[in-house]
Amino acid sequence: MSEKKKSNTPHPEKQLPSNVVPLTAAKCVGEDCKKKPERAGFCSEHYEWFKEGLLTIDGYKAKDFDKKYHAWLLRKQKAA
């Protein structure tokens, strides 16, 4: 039986060329938002909206945005 020799070098398709710099998101993924992203590609305000279900992971408003937004506002007012 023949044994395959394993090399310690990673596969060439998994290596990035030395002149390639990975780019990060320059702005929040929320619709029409120009703020710098802080968490998960969202600014702090839109991240909170994402956690509440107001925004999708792509930054678009949820289908039932109005209903969720008003419920979220009421919860914030009661907490204050």
Protein backbone atom coordinates (compact mmCIF):
# COMPACT_ATOMS: atom_id res chain seq x y z
CA MET A 1 0.00 0.00 0.00
CA SER A 2 1.21 3.45 -0.77
CA GLU A 3 0.92 6.25 1.76
CA LYS A 4 0.32 9.84 0.79
CA LYS A 5 2.80 12.30 2.17
CA LYS A 6 1.24 15.22 3.99
CA SER A 7 2.91 18.55 3.57
CA ASN A 8 2.82 21.27 6.18
CA THR A 9 2.07 24.01 3.65
CA PRO A 10 -1.58 25.00 3.26
CA HIS A 11 -3.34 24.47 -0.02
CA PRO A 12 -2.68 27.28 -2.49
CA GLU A 13 -6.37 28.10 -2.90
CA LYS A 14 -6.63 28.86 0.82
CA GLN A 15 -3.72 31.30 0.89
CA LEU A 16 -4.24 35.00 0.25
CA PRO A 17 -1.63 36.75 -1.83
CA SER A 18 0.59 39.04 0.22
CA ASN A 19 -0.67 42.15 -1.58
CA VAL A 20 -4.37 41.53 -0.76
CA VAL A 21 -5.83 43.43 2.17
CA PRO A 22 -9.22 42.20 3.43
CA LEU A 23 -11.72 45.05 3.48
CA THR A 24 -14.18 45.57 6.30
CA ALA A 25 -17.52 47.27 5.96
CA ALA A 26 -17.14 51.04 5.75
CA LYS A 27 -20.70 51.84 6.81
CA CYS A 28 -23.61 50.33 8.67
CA VAL A 29 -25.65 47.80 6.66
CA GLY A 30 -28.89 49.45 7.80
CA GLU A 31 -30.88 51.12 5.03
CA ASP A 32 -29.61 54.65 4.27
CA CYS A 33 -27.26 54.67 7.28
CA LYS A 34 -23.82 56.21 6.86
CA LYS A 35 -22.48 55.59 10.38
CA LYS A 36 -19.47 53.40 11.05
CA PRO A 37 -20.35 49.80 11.99
CA GLU A 38 -19.61 48.70 15.54
CA ARG A 39 -21.15 45.26 15.96
CA ALA A 40 -22.13 42.66 13.34
CA GLY A 41 -21.97 45.28 10.59
CA PHE A 42 -24.48 47.60 12.29
CA CYS A 43 -24.05 50.91 14.10
CA SER A 44 -25.11 50.84 17.76
CA GLU A 45 -28.67 52.05 17.06
CA HIS A 46 -29.32 49.63 14.20
CA TYR A 47 -27.72 46.76 16.13
CA GLU A 48 -30.31 47.29 18.85
CA TRP A 49 -33.02 47.30 16.16
CA PHE A 50 -31.59 44.07 14.72
CA LYS A 51 -31.65 42.41 18.15
CA GLU A 52 -35.29 43.47 18.59
CA GLY A 53 -36.23 42.00 15.20
CA LEU A 54 -36.85 45.33 13.48
CA LEU A 55 -34.10 44.74 10.88
CA THR A 56 -32.99 41.65 9.01
CA ILE A 57 -29.36 40.52 8.93
CA ASP A 58 -29.07 42.25 5.53
CA GLY A 59 -30.17 45.57 7.06
CA TYR A 60 -33.67 45.71 5.57
CA LYS A 61 -36.77 46.44 7.62
CA ALA A 62 -38.77 43.43 8.79
CA LYS A 63 -42.12 42.73 7.12
CA ASP A 64 -43.98 43.72 10.30
CA PHE A 65 -41.65 46.63 11.08
CA ASP A 66 -44.39 49.11 12.08
CA LYS A 67 -45.96 46.76 14.62
CA LYS A 68 -42.60 45.81 16.15
CA TYR A 69 -41.35 49.40 16.15
CA HIS A 70 -44.36 50.71 18.08
CA ALA A 71 -44.12 47.86 20.59
CA TRP A 72 -40.40 48.59 21.02
CA LEU A 73 -41.11 52.31 21.59
CA LEU A 74 -43.69 51.48 24.27
CA ARG A 75 -41.23 49.16 26.04
CA LYS A 76 -38.54 51.88 26.00
CA GLN A 77 -40.96 54.51 27.35
CA LYS A 78 -42.11 52.24 30.18
CA ALA A 79 -38.49 51.45 31.09
CA ALA A 80 -37.59 55.15 31.31
